[in-house]
Amino acid sequence: MSGRKQFDISAALDQAMRVFWQRGYPDASLDALGSATGLGRGSLYGTFGNKETLFGKCLDRYASIYGAQYEQALAAHPGDPVRAVEAFFDVVLSRIADPSVPVGCLVAQSAAQSLTLKEENAMQVRGLLDVQRQRVRVALADSSADSRTLDELATFVVAVNQSLAVLSRAGTSDAELRSVARLACTTVADTIARAASEAVVVRPFLS
């Protein structure tokens, strides 16, 4: 329409996402969001709604970008759950090392700031963490370990992932982060092997 400024909504959403990612929800002011997106307050509200709604859209955007990468990595090694977890951490560490995006993880940062979020946003963050855990759990399912062990391992892998994001924001080196990931993968492998060994011992006894 003549006289009306046109803009790319997806690009504006990406820029807003980076502001929340870099600053965290409490410090992502409307001025900072407007400066990053090139939109005035009126246009921000008119396009995305209030700050809470915009933040929710940014969480969805983040999840759609990186969630797809996680899912692809975890599904790339059927029958080899340890390799799947290694591939998952490779994606995580590549994102952390990417100089074109803010340090850390938007979900991890938002989870740490849950008490400052509106309940709807806090529930959304918890939901994204649960989706991540479910993805990992599916990748671990192709092993002989019992369900309880696999549930615990899935939670463990997600916890390590969130820790990597926090450590990266504190300036931990790439080498140290990769060491943490390697130890996590070793823990997963050892736990699965131990559970499988115990299952073999128990079955003949029960029979």
N, C-alpha and C. Protein backbone atom coordinates (compact mmCIF):
# COMPACT_ATOMS: atom_id res chain seq x y z
N MET A 1 0.86 -1.19 0.00
CA MET A 1 0.00 0.00 0.00
C MET A 1 0.89 1.24 0.00
N SER A 2 0.57 2.22 -0.83
CA SER A 2 1.37 3.44 -0.95
C SER A 2 1.42 4.19 0.38
N GLY A 3 2.63 4.65 0.74
CA GLY A 3 2.79 5.42 1.96
C GLY A 3 2.95 4.58 3.20
N ARG A 4 2.85 3.25 3.07
CA ARG A 4 2.98 2.39 4.23
C ARG A 4 4.32 1.66 4.18
N LYS A 5 5.08 1.73 5.26
CA LYS A 5 6.39 1.10 5.29
C LYS A 5 6.25 -0.41 5.31
N GLN A 6 6.98 -1.07 4.40
CA GLN A 6 6.95 -2.52 4.33
C GLN A 6 8.18 -3.08 5.04
N PHE A 7 8.02 -4.23 5.67
CA PHE A 7 9.16 -4.86 6.31
C PHE A 7 8.96 -6.36 6.32
N ASP A 8 10.05 -7.06 6.51
CA ASP A 8 10.04 -8.53 6.52
C ASP A 8 9.75 -8.98 7.95
N ILE A 9 8.58 -9.55 8.17
CA ILE A 9 8.19 -9.97 9.52
C ILE A 9 9.12 -11.04 10.06
N SER A 10 9.51 -11.98 9.22
CA SER A 10 10.41 -13.06 9.67
C SER A 10 11.76 -12.51 10.10
N ALA A 11 12.27 -11.56 9.33
CA ALA A 11 13.55 -10.94 9.67
C ALA A 11 13.45 -10.17 10.98
N ALA A 12 12.35 -9.45 11.15
CA ALA A 12 12.14 -8.70 12.39
C ALA A 12 12.05 -9.64 13.58
N LEU A 13 11.37 -10.76 13.39
CA LEU A 13 11.25 -11.74 14.47
C LEU A 13 12.61 -12.33 14.83
N ASP A 14 13.43 -12.58 13.82
CA ASP A 14 14.78 -13.09 14.07
C ASP A 14 15.61 -12.09 14.88
N GLN A 15 15.48 -10.83 14.54
CA GLN A 15 16.24 -9.81 15.27
C GLN A 15 15.74 -9.69 16.71
N ALA A 16 14.44 -9.75 16.89
CA ALA A 16 13.90 -9.71 18.25
C ALA A 16 14.36 -10.92 19.05
N MET A 17 14.39 -12.08 18.41
CA MET A 17 14.85 -13.30 19.07
C MET A 17 16.28 -13.14 19.57
N ARG A 18 17.11 -12.50 18.77
CA ARG A 18 18.51 -12.30 19.17
C ARG A 18 18.61 -11.38 20.38
N VAL A 19 17.73 -10.39 20.45
CA VAL A 19 17.75 -9.49 21.60
C VAL A 19 17.41 -10.26 22.87
N PHE A 20 16.35 -11.05 22.84
CA PHE A 20 15.98 -11.87 24.00
C PHE A 20 17.09 -12.86 24.33
N TRP A 21 17.69 -13.44 23.31
CA TRP A 21 18.75 -14.42 23.48
C TRP A 21 19.96 -13.80 24.15
N GLN A 22 20.34 -12.62 23.70
CA GLN A 22 21.54 -11.96 24.21
C GLN A 22 21.31 -11.32 25.58
N ARG A 23 20.18 -10.68 25.76
CA ARG A 23 19.95 -9.89 26.97
C ARG A 23 19.14 -10.61 28.04
N GLY A 24 18.36 -11.61 27.61
CA GLY A 24 17.41 -12.22 28.54
C GLY A 24 16.12 -11.42 28.54
N TYR A 25 15.04 -12.06 28.94
CA TYR A 25 13.73 -11.41 28.88
C TYR A 25 13.66 -10.10 29.69
N PRO A 26 14.11 -10.09 30.96
CA PRO A 26 13.94 -8.86 31.75
C PRO A 26 14.64 -7.65 31.16
N ASP A 27 15.81 -7.85 30.54
CA ASP A 27 16.60 -6.73 30.03
C ASP A 27 16.37 -6.44 28.56
N ALA A 28 15.46 -7.18 27.95
CA ALA A 28 15.12 -6.92 26.55
C ALA A 28 14.05 -5.82 26.52
N SER A 29 14.49 -4.59 26.57
CA SER A 29 13.55 -3.46 26.63
C SER A 29 12.88 -3.27 25.28
N LEU A 30 11.76 -2.57 25.30
CA LEU A 30 11.07 -2.26 24.05
C LEU A 30 11.93 -1.38 23.15
N ASP A 31 12.74 -0.53 23.76
CA ASP A 31 13.64 0.30 22.97
C ASP A 31 14.67 -0.56 22.25
N ALA A 32 15.23 -1.55 22.97
CA ALA A 32 16.21 -2.44 22.36
C ALA A 32 15.58 -3.29 21.26
N LEU A 33 14.37 -3.76 21.52
CA LEU A 33 13.66 -4.56 20.52
C LEU A 33 13.32 -3.72 19.29
N GLY A 34 12.91 -2.47 19.53
CA GLY A 34 12.59 -1.59 18.42
C GLY A 34 13.82 -1.25 17.60
N SER A 35 14.93 -1.00 18.28
CA SER A 35 16.17 -0.67 17.59
C SER A 35 16.64 -1.85 16.73
N ALA A 36 16.54 -3.05 17.26
CA ALA A 36 17.01 -4.24 16.54
C ALA A 36 16.13 -4.55 15.33
N THR A 37 14.84 -4.37 15.49
CA THR A 37 13.90 -4.71 14.42
C THR A 37 13.64 -3.57 13.46
N GLY A 38 13.98 -2.37 13.88
CA GLY A 38 13.69 -1.21 13.06
C GLY A 38 12.24 -0.77 13.14
N LEU A 39 11.54 -1.24 14.18
CA LEU A 39 10.12 -0.93 14.34
C LEU A 39 9.90 -0.05 15.56
N GLY A 40 9.00 0.89 15.44
CA GLY A 40 8.60 1.68 16.60
C GLY A 40 7.69 0.87 17.50
N ARG A 41 7.40 1.39 18.66
CA ARG A 41 6.55 0.65 19.61
C ARG A 41 5.19 0.32 19.01
N GLY A 42 4.63 1.29 18.30
CA GLY A 42 3.33 1.05 17.71
C GLY A 42 3.35 -0.09 16.72
N SER A 43 4.39 -0.12 15.88
CA SER A 43 4.52 -1.20 14.90
C SER A 43 4.81 -2.53 15.57
N LEU A 44 5.62 -2.50 16.63
CA LEU A 44 5.90 -3.74 17.38
C LEU A 44 4.61 -4.33 17.93
N TYR A 45 3.84 -3.50 18.62
CA TYR A 45 2.59 -3.97 19.21
C TYR A 45 1.60 -4.39 18.12
N GLY A 46 1.56 -3.60 17.05
CA GLY A 46 0.61 -3.92 15.99
C GLY A 46 0.94 -5.20 15.26
N THR A 47 2.23 -5.52 15.17
CA THR A 47 2.65 -6.71 14.43
C THR A 47 2.70 -7.95 15.31
N PHE A 48 3.24 -7.79 16.52
CA PHE A 48 3.51 -8.96 17.36
C PHE A 48 2.69 -9.01 18.65
N GLY A 49 1.97 -7.96 18.97
CA GLY A 49 1.29 -7.93 20.25
C GLY A 49 2.22 -7.36 21.31
N ASN A 50 1.97 -7.68 22.58
CA ASN A 50 2.81 -7.14 23.65
C ASN A 50 4.13 -7.89 23.76
N LYS A 51 4.95 -7.49 24.72
CA LYS A 51 6.28 -8.07 24.87
C LYS A 51 6.20 -9.57 25.15
N GLU A 52 5.25 -9.98 25.97
CA GLU A 52 5.12 -11.40 26.30
C GLU A 52 4.77 -12.22 25.06
N THR A 53 3.90 -11.70 24.24
CA THR A 53 3.51 -12.40 23.02
C THR A 53 4.68 -12.49 22.04
N LEU A 54 5.41 -11.38 21.91
CA LEU A 54 6.59 -11.37 21.04
C LEU A 54 7.61 -12.39 21.53
N PHE A 55 7.82 -12.43 22.83
CA PHE A 55 8.78 -13.39 23.39
C PHE A 55 8.36 -14.82 23.09
N GLY A 56 7.06 -15.10 23.22
CA GLY A 56 6.56 -16.43 22.90
C GLY A 56 6.81 -16.80 21.45
N LYS A 57 6.62 -15.84 20.55
CA LYS A 57 6.87 -16.09 19.12
C LYS A 57 8.36 -16.34 18.88
N CYS A 58 9.20 -15.63 19.63
CA CYS A 58 10.65 -15.82 19.49
C CYS A 58 11.07 -17.20 20.00
N LEU A 59 10.47 -17.66 21.08
CA LEU A 59 10.75 -19.01 21.56
C LEU A 59 10.35 -20.05 20.51
N ASP A 60 9.19 -19.85 19.91
CA ASP A 60 8.75 -20.76 18.85
C ASP A 60 9.72 -20.74 17.67
N ARG A 61 10.17 -19.55 17.32
CA ARG A 61 11.11 -19.41 16.20
C ARG A 61 12.42 -20.13 16.51
N TYR A 62 12.92 -19.94 17.72
CA TYR A 62 14.16 -20.59 18.14
C TYR A 62 14.00 -22.11 18.10
N ALA A 63 12.89 -22.59 18.62
CA ALA A 63 12.64 -24.03 18.66
C ALA A 63 12.51 -24.62 17.26
N SER A 64 11.92 -23.86 16.35
CA SER A 64 11.77 -24.38 14.99
C SER A 64 13.10 -24.49 14.27
N ILE A 65 14.02 -23.56 14.56
CA ILE A 65 15.33 -23.58 13.92
C ILE A 65 16.20 -24.68 14.49
N TYR A 66 16.38 -24.67 15.80
CA TYR A 66 17.33 -25.60 16.40
C TYR A 66 16.70 -26.94 16.75
N GLY A 67 15.41 -26.95 17.04
CA GLY A 67 14.74 -28.22 17.32
C GLY A 67 14.84 -29.17 16.14
N ALA A 68 14.68 -28.63 14.94
CA ALA A 68 14.79 -29.46 13.73
C ALA A 68 16.19 -30.03 13.58
N GLN A 69 17.21 -29.24 13.92
CA GLN A 69 18.59 -29.72 13.85
C GLN A 69 18.85 -30.82 14.87
N TYR A 70 18.32 -30.63 16.09
CA TYR A 70 18.48 -31.65 17.12
C TYR A 70 17.82 -32.96 16.70
N GLU A 71 16.60 -32.83 16.20
CA GLU A 71 15.84 -34.03 15.82
C GLU A 71 16.55 -34.78 14.70
N GLN A 72 17.08 -34.05 13.74
CA GLN A 72 17.80 -34.68 12.64
C GLN A 72 19.04 -35.41 13.14
N ALA A 73 19.78 -34.78 14.04
CA ALA A 73 20.99 -35.40 14.57
C ALA A 73 20.67 -36.65 15.38
N LEU A 74 19.65 -36.59 16.20
CA LEU A 74 19.29 -37.72 17.05
C LEU A 74 18.73 -38.89 16.24
N ALA A 75 18.16 -38.59 15.08
CA ALA A 75 17.58 -39.65 14.25
C ALA A 75 18.55 -40.20 13.21
N ALA A 76 19.75 -39.62 13.15
CA ALA A 76 20.69 -39.98 12.09
C ALA A 76 21.43 -41.29 12.33
N HIS A 77 21.31 -41.84 13.54
CA HIS A 77 22.07 -43.05 13.86
C HIS A 77 21.17 -44.11 14.50
N PRO A 78 20.22 -44.63 13.75
CA PRO A 78 19.31 -45.65 14.30
C PRO A 78 20.09 -46.88 14.75
N GLY A 79 19.73 -47.38 15.92
CA GLY A 79 20.41 -48.55 16.46
C GLY A 79 21.67 -48.23 17.23
N ASP A 80 22.07 -46.96 17.26
CA ASP A 80 23.30 -46.56 17.97
C ASP A 80 22.99 -45.33 18.82
N PRO A 81 22.36 -45.53 19.97
CA PRO A 81 21.93 -44.39 20.80
C PRO A 81 23.08 -43.51 21.27
N VAL A 82 24.24 -44.10 21.52
CA VAL A 82 25.38 -43.30 21.98
C VAL A 82 25.85 -42.36 20.87
N ARG A 83 25.93 -42.89 19.66
CA ARG A 83 26.32 -42.04 18.53
C ARG A 83 25.28 -40.96 18.30
N ALA A 84 24.02 -41.27 18.53
CA ALA A 84 22.96 -40.27 18.37
C ALA A 84 23.16 -39.12 19.36
N VAL A 85 23.50 -39.45 20.59
CA VAL A 85 23.74 -38.42 21.61
C VAL A 85 24.98 -37.60 21.24
N GLU A 86 26.00 -38.26 20.72
CA GLU A 86 27.20 -37.54 20.27
C GLU A 86 26.84 -36.54 19.17
N ALA A 87 26.01 -36.98 18.23
CA ALA A 87 25.59 -36.09 17.14
C ALA A 87 24.78 -34.92 17.68
N PHE A 88 23.96 -35.18 18.67
CA PHE A 88 23.17 -34.12 19.32
C PHE A 88 24.09 -33.07 19.93
N PHE A 89 25.09 -33.52 20.66
CA PHE A 89 26.01 -32.57 21.28
C PHE A 89 26.85 -31.84 20.23
N ASP A 90 27.14 -32.51 19.10
CA ASP A 90 27.87 -31.83 18.02
C ASP A 90 27.08 -30.61 17.53
N VAL A 91 25.76 -30.78 17.38
CA VAL A 91 24.92 -29.67 16.95
C VAL A 91 24.91 -28.57 18.00
N VAL A 92 24.77 -28.97 19.26
CA VAL A 92 24.76 -28.00 20.36
C VAL A 92 26.05 -27.19 20.38
N LEU A 93 27.19 -27.87 20.28
CA LEU A 93 28.48 -27.18 20.36
C LEU A 93 28.74 -26.32 19.13
N SER A 94 28.22 -26.76 17.98
CA SER A 94 28.36 -25.94 16.77
C SER A 94 27.58 -24.64 16.91
N ARG A 95 26.39 -24.73 17.51
CA ARG A 95 25.60 -23.51 17.74
C ARG A 95 26.32 -22.59 18.71
N ILE A 96 26.86 -23.15 19.77
CA ILE A 96 27.56 -22.34 20.76
C ILE A 96 28.77 -21.64 20.14
N ALA A 97 29.46 -22.34 19.23
CA ALA A 97 30.68 -21.79 18.63
C ALA A 97 30.39 -20.85 17.46
N ASP A 98 29.15 -20.78 17.03
CA ASP A 98 28.79 -19.95 15.87
C ASP A 98 28.88 -18.47 16.23
N PRO A 99 29.81 -17.74 15.63
CA PRO A 99 29.97 -16.32 15.99
C PRO A 99 28.84 -15.43 15.48
N SER A 100 27.98 -15.96 14.63
CA SER A 100 26.92 -15.14 14.06
C SER A 100 25.68 -15.06 14.95
N VAL A 101 25.66 -15.84 16.04
CA VAL A 101 24.51 -15.82 16.95
C VAL A 101 25.01 -15.54 18.37
N PRO A 102 24.12 -15.09 19.25
CA PRO A 102 24.54 -14.83 20.64
C PRO A 102 25.05 -16.10 21.32
N VAL A 103 25.82 -15.92 22.35
CA VAL A 103 26.38 -17.05 23.10
C VAL A 103 25.27 -17.72 23.91
N GLY A 104 25.40 -19.02 24.09
CA GLY A 104 24.48 -19.75 24.95
C GLY A 104 23.26 -20.25 24.21
N CYS A 105 22.13 -20.31 24.90
CA CYS A 105 20.90 -20.88 24.37
C CYS A 105 19.72 -20.07 24.90
N LEU A 106 18.83 -19.70 24.03
CA LEU A 106 17.67 -18.91 24.45
C LEU A 106 16.81 -19.67 25.45
N VAL A 107 16.63 -20.97 25.22
CA VAL A 107 15.80 -21.77 26.13
C VAL A 107 16.46 -21.89 27.50
N ALA A 108 17.77 -22.16 27.51
CA ALA A 108 18.49 -22.29 28.78
C ALA A 108 18.44 -20.98 29.57
N GLN A 109 18.68 -19.88 28.88
CA GLN A 109 18.65 -18.58 29.56
C GLN A 109 17.25 -18.28 30.10
N SER A 110 16.25 -18.60 29.30
CA SER A 110 14.87 -18.34 29.72
C SER A 110 14.47 -19.23 30.88
N ALA A 111 14.96 -20.48 30.88
CA ALA A 111 14.67 -21.39 31.99
C ALA A 111 15.26 -20.85 33.28
N ALA A 112 16.47 -20.29 33.20
CA ALA A 112 17.12 -19.73 34.38
C ALA A 112 16.38 -18.50 34.90
N GLN A 113 15.63 -17.84 34.00
CA GLN A 113 14.91 -16.62 34.37
C GLN A 113 13.41 -16.86 34.52
N SER A 114 13.04 -18.12 34.71
CA SER A 114 11.61 -18.48 34.74
C SER A 114 10.79 -17.66 35.73
N LEU A 115 11.40 -17.32 36.85
CA LEU A 115 10.66 -16.58 37.87
C LEU A 115 10.32 -15.16 37.43
N THR A 116 11.01 -14.67 36.40
CA THR A 116 10.74 -13.32 35.90
C THR A 116 9.76 -13.33 34.73
N LEU A 117 9.38 -14.53 34.28
CA LEU A 117 8.52 -14.64 33.11
C LEU A 117 7.05 -14.70 33.51
N LYS A 118 6.20 -14.32 32.58
CA LYS A 118 4.78 -14.54 32.75
C LYS A 118 4.53 -16.04 32.74
N GLU A 119 3.49 -16.47 33.42
CA GLU A 119 3.25 -17.91 33.57
C GLU A 119 3.15 -18.61 32.22
N GLU A 120 2.51 -17.98 31.27
CA GLU A 120 2.37 -18.60 29.95
C GLU A 120 3.72 -18.83 29.29
N ASN A 121 4.61 -17.83 29.40
CA ASN A 121 5.94 -17.98 28.83
C ASN A 121 6.75 -19.02 29.58
N ALA A 122 6.64 -19.04 30.91
CA ALA A 122 7.36 -20.02 31.71
C ALA A 122 6.91 -21.44 31.36
N MET A 123 5.62 -21.62 31.15
CA MET A 123 5.10 -22.93 30.76
C MET A 123 5.61 -23.32 29.37
N GLN A 124 5.74 -22.33 28.50
CA GLN A 124 6.25 -22.60 27.15
C GLN A 124 7.69 -23.08 27.22
N VAL A 125 8.49 -22.45 28.06
CA VAL A 125 9.89 -22.85 28.23
C VAL A 125 9.97 -24.28 28.78
N ARG A 126 9.17 -24.57 29.78
CA ARG A 126 9.16 -25.93 30.33
C ARG A 126 8.74 -26.94 29.27
N GLY A 127 7.79 -26.54 28.44
CA GLY A 127 7.35 -27.42 27.37
C GLY A 127 8.45 -27.70 26.36
N LEU A 128 9.24 -26.68 26.04
CA LEU A 128 10.34 -26.88 25.09
C LEU A 128 11.41 -27.80 25.67
N LEU A 129 11.67 -27.67 26.96
CA LEU A 129 12.61 -28.59 27.61
C LEU A 129 12.09 -30.01 27.59
N ASP A 130 10.80 -30.16 27.78
CA ASP A 130 10.21 -31.49 27.78
C ASP A 130 10.25 -32.10 26.38
N VAL A 131 10.03 -31.29 25.36
CA VAL A 131 10.13 -31.78 23.99
C VAL A 131 11.55 -32.26 23.70
N GLN A 132 12.52 -31.50 24.18
CA GLN A 132 13.92 -31.89 24.00
C GLN A 132 14.19 -33.22 24.69
N ARG A 133 13.68 -33.37 25.90
CA ARG A 133 13.88 -34.63 26.62
C ARG A 133 13.23 -35.78 25.89
N GLN A 134 12.05 -35.57 25.34
CA GLN A 134 11.36 -36.62 24.60
C GLN A 134 12.13 -37.03 23.36
N ARG A 135 12.71 -36.07 22.67
CA ARG A 135 13.52 -36.37 21.48
C ARG A 135 14.70 -37.27 21.86
N VAL A 136 15.38 -36.90 22.92
CA VAL A 136 16.53 -37.69 23.36
C VAL A 136 16.07 -39.08 23.80
N ARG A 137 14.96 -39.13 24.50
CA ARG A 137 14.44 -40.42 24.98
C ARG A 137 14.13 -41.36 23.82
N VAL A 138 13.58 -40.85 22.75
CA VAL A 138 13.29 -41.66 21.57
C VAL A 138 14.58 -42.22 20.98
N ALA A 139 15.61 -41.39 20.93
CA ALA A 139 16.89 -41.83 20.38
C ALA A 139 17.55 -42.91 21.24
N LEU A 140 17.29 -42.87 22.54
CA LEU A 140 17.88 -43.85 23.46
C LEU A 140 17.09 -45.16 23.50
N ALA A 141 15.90 -45.14 22.96
CA ALA A 141 15.00 -46.29 23.12
C ALA A 141 15.54 -47.56 22.47
N ASP A 142 16.35 -47.40 21.45
CA ASP A 142 16.86 -48.58 20.73
C ASP A 142 18.07 -49.16 21.45
N SER A 143 17.85 -49.56 22.69
CA SER A 143 18.89 -50.21 23.49
C SER A 143 18.19 -51.19 24.43
N SER A 144 18.98 -52.01 25.10
CA SER A 144 18.40 -53.03 25.98
C SER A 144 18.25 -52.54 27.42
N ALA A 145 18.56 -51.28 27.66
CA ALA A 145 18.41 -50.73 29.01
C ALA A 145 16.93 -50.61 29.35
N ASP A 146 16.61 -50.66 30.65
CA ASP A 146 15.22 -50.57 31.08
C ASP A 146 14.72 -49.14 30.94
N SER A 147 13.40 -49.00 30.95
CA SER A 147 12.76 -47.70 30.71
C SER A 147 13.17 -46.64 31.73
N ARG A 148 13.27 -47.07 32.99
CA ARG A 148 13.63 -46.08 34.03
C ARG A 148 15.02 -45.53 33.77
N THR A 149 15.96 -46.39 33.42
CA THR A 149 17.32 -45.94 33.13
C THR A 149 17.34 -44.98 31.95
N LEU A 150 16.58 -45.31 30.91
CA LEU A 150 16.55 -44.45 29.73
C LEU A 150 15.88 -43.11 30.03
N ASP A 151 14.87 -43.12 30.87
CA ASP A 151 14.24 -41.86 31.29
C ASP A 151 15.25 -40.97 32.00
N GLU A 152 16.00 -41.59 32.91
CA GLU A 152 17.00 -40.83 33.67
C GLU A 152 18.10 -40.31 32.76
N LEU A 153 18.52 -41.12 31.79
CA LEU A 153 19.57 -40.69 30.87
C LEU A 153 19.10 -39.54 29.99
N ALA A 154 17.85 -39.58 29.56
CA ALA A 154 17.32 -38.50 28.74
C ALA A 154 17.33 -37.19 29.52
N THR A 155 16.92 -37.24 30.77
CA THR A 155 16.95 -36.05 31.62
C THR A 155 18.38 -35.57 31.83
N PHE A 156 19.29 -36.51 32.01
CA PHE A 156 20.71 -36.19 32.19
C PHE A 156 21.28 -35.47 30.96
N VAL A 157 20.98 -35.98 29.77
CA VAL A 157 21.50 -35.38 28.54
C VAL A 157 20.98 -33.95 28.38
N VAL A 158 19.70 -33.74 28.65
CA VAL A 158 19.13 -32.38 28.57
C VAL A 158 19.77 -31.47 29.60
N ALA A 159 20.02 -31.99 30.80
CA ALA A 159 20.66 -31.19 31.85
C ALA A 159 22.07 -30.78 31.43
N VAL A 160 22.81 -31.69 30.82
CA VAL A 160 24.16 -31.36 30.34
C VAL A 160 24.08 -30.30 29.24
N ASN A 161 23.12 -30.47 28.35
CA ASN A 161 22.94 -29.49 27.28
C ASN A 161 22.71 -28.09 27.84
N GLN A 162 21.83 -27.98 28.81
CA GLN A 162 21.56 -26.68 29.42
C GLN A 162 22.80 -26.14 30.13
N SER A 163 23.55 -27.04 30.76
CA SER A 163 24.78 -26.62 31.45
C SER A 163 25.82 -26.09 30.47
N LEU A 164 25.92 -26.71 29.31
CA LEU A 164 26.87 -26.25 28.30
C LEU A 164 26.55 -24.80 27.89
N ALA A 165 25.26 -24.52 27.76
CA ALA A 165 24.85 -23.16 27.38
C ALA A 165 25.23 -22.16 28.46
N VAL A 166 24.99 -22.52 29.71
CA VAL A 166 25.32 -21.62 30.82
C VAL A 166 26.83 -21.41 30.91
N LEU A 167 27.59 -22.49 30.80
CA LEU A 167 29.05 -22.39 30.87
C LEU A 167 29.61 -21.53 29.74
N SER A 168 29.01 -21.66 28.56
CA SER A 168 29.50 -20.88 27.42
C SER A 168 29.31 -19.39 27.66
N ARG A 169 28.21 -19.02 28.30
CA ARG A 169 27.97 -17.60 28.59
C ARG A 169 28.94 -17.09 29.65
N ALA A 170 29.47 -18.00 30.44
CA ALA A 170 30.45 -17.61 31.46
C ALA A 170 31.87 -17.58 30.91
N GLY A 171 32.02 -17.87 29.62
CA GLY A 171 33.33 -17.77 28.99
C GLY A 171 34.13 -19.06 28.97
N THR A 172 33.51 -20.19 29.27
CA THR A 172 34.21 -21.47 29.22
C THR A 172 34.65 -21.75 27.79
N SER A 173 35.87 -22.25 27.64
CA SER A 173 36.42 -22.46 26.30
C SER A 173 35.74 -23.60 25.57
N ASP A 174 35.87 -23.59 24.26
CA ASP A 174 35.30 -24.65 23.43
C ASP A 174 35.88 -26.01 23.81
N ALA A 175 37.18 -26.05 24.08
CA ALA A 175 37.82 -27.30 24.45
C ALA A 175 37.22 -27.88 25.74
N GLU A 176 36.98 -27.02 26.70
CA GLU A 176 36.39 -27.47 27.97
C GLU A 176 34.95 -27.93 27.77
N LEU A 177 34.20 -27.22 26.95
CA LEU A 177 32.82 -27.62 26.68
C LEU A 177 32.79 -28.98 25.99
N ARG A 178 33.69 -29.20 25.05
CA ARG A 178 33.74 -30.47 24.35
C ARG A 178 34.15 -31.60 25.29
N SER A 179 34.98 -31.28 26.26
CA SER A 179 35.36 -32.28 27.26
C SER A 179 34.15 -32.70 28.08
N VAL A 180 33.33 -31.73 28.47
CA VAL A 180 32.11 -32.02 29.21
C VAL A 180 31.19 -32.92 28.38
N ALA A 181 31.04 -32.58 27.10
CA ALA A 181 30.17 -33.37 26.22
C ALA A 181 30.70 -34.79 26.06
N ARG A 182 32.01 -34.94 25.93
CA ARG A 182 32.59 -36.28 25.79
C ARG A 182 32.34 -37.12 27.04
N LEU A 183 32.51 -36.51 28.19
CA LEU A 183 32.26 -37.23 29.44
C LEU A 183 30.79 -37.61 29.57
N ALA A 184 29.92 -36.74 29.10
CA ALA A 184 28.49 -37.04 29.14
C ALA A 184 28.18 -38.24 28.24
N CYS A 185 28.77 -38.28 27.06
CA CYS A 185 28.56 -39.40 26.15
C CYS A 185 29.12 -40.69 26.73
N THR A 186 30.26 -40.60 27.40
CA THR A 186 30.83 -41.78 28.06
C THR A 186 29.90 -42.28 29.15
N THR A 187 29.32 -41.36 29.91
CA THR A 187 28.37 -41.73 30.96
C THR A 187 27.16 -42.45 30.36
N VAL A 188 26.65 -41.93 29.25
CA VAL A 188 25.51 -42.56 28.58
C VAL A 188 25.89 -43.97 28.14
N ALA A 189 27.05 -44.10 27.50
CA ALA A 189 27.49 -45.41 27.01
C ALA A 189 27.67 -46.40 28.15
N ASP A 190 28.34 -45.97 29.21
CA ASP A 190 28.61 -46.85 30.36
C ASP A 190 27.31 -47.26 31.05
N THR A 191 26.38 -46.32 31.18
CA THR A 191 25.11 -46.62 31.86
C THR A 191 24.28 -47.61 31.06
N ILE A 192 24.24 -47.43 29.74
CA ILE A 192 23.50 -48.36 28.89
C ILE A 192 24.14 -49.74 28.94
N ALA A 193 25.47 -49.80 28.87
CA ALA A 193 26.17 -51.09 28.91
C ALA A 193 25.95 -51.79 30.24
N ARG A 194 26.01 -51.05 31.32
CA ARG A 194 25.79 -51.64 32.64
C ARG A 194 24.37 -52.16 32.79
N ALA A 195 23.41 -51.38 32.32
CA ALA A 195 22.02 -51.80 32.41
C ALA A 195 21.77 -53.05 31.58
N ALA A 196 22.41 -53.12 30.40
CA ALA A 196 22.26 -54.30 29.55
C ALA A 196 22.87 -55.53 30.21
N SER A 197 24.03 -55.33 30.85
CA SER A 197 24.71 -56.43 31.53
C SER A 197 23.88 -56.95 32.70
N GLU A 198 23.31 -56.04 33.45
CA GLU A 198 22.48 -56.44 34.58
C GLU A 198 21.23 -57.18 34.13
N ALA A 199 20.69 -56.78 32.97
CA ALA A 199 19.49 -57.45 32.44
C ALA A 199 19.81 -58.88 32.06
N VAL A 200 20.98 -59.10 31.50
CA VAL A 200 21.40 -60.45 31.10
C VAL A 200 21.53 -61.35 32.32
N VAL A 201 22.04 -60.81 33.41
CA VAL A 201 22.22 -61.59 34.65
C VAL A 201 20.88 -61.91 35.29
N VAL A 202 19.96 -60.96 35.28
CA VAL A 202 18.68 -61.12 35.96
C VAL A 202 17.78 -62.10 35.23
N ARG A 203 17.77 -62.09 33.93
CA ARG A 203 16.83 -62.93 33.17
C ARG A 203 16.98 -64.42 33.44
N PRO A 204 18.23 -64.96 33.39
CA PRO A 204 18.36 -66.39 33.69
C PRO A 204 17.93 -66.73 35.10
N PHE A 205 18.20 -65.81 36.04
CA PHE A 205 17.83 -66.05 37.44
C PHE A 205 16.32 -66.16 37.58
N LEU A 206 15.60 -65.24 36.87
CA LEU A 206 14.14 -65.26 36.96
C LEU A 206 13.55 -66.47 36.24
N SER A 207 14.20 -66.95 35.19
CA SER A 207 13.67 -68.08 34.44
C SER A 207 13.87 -69.38 35.21
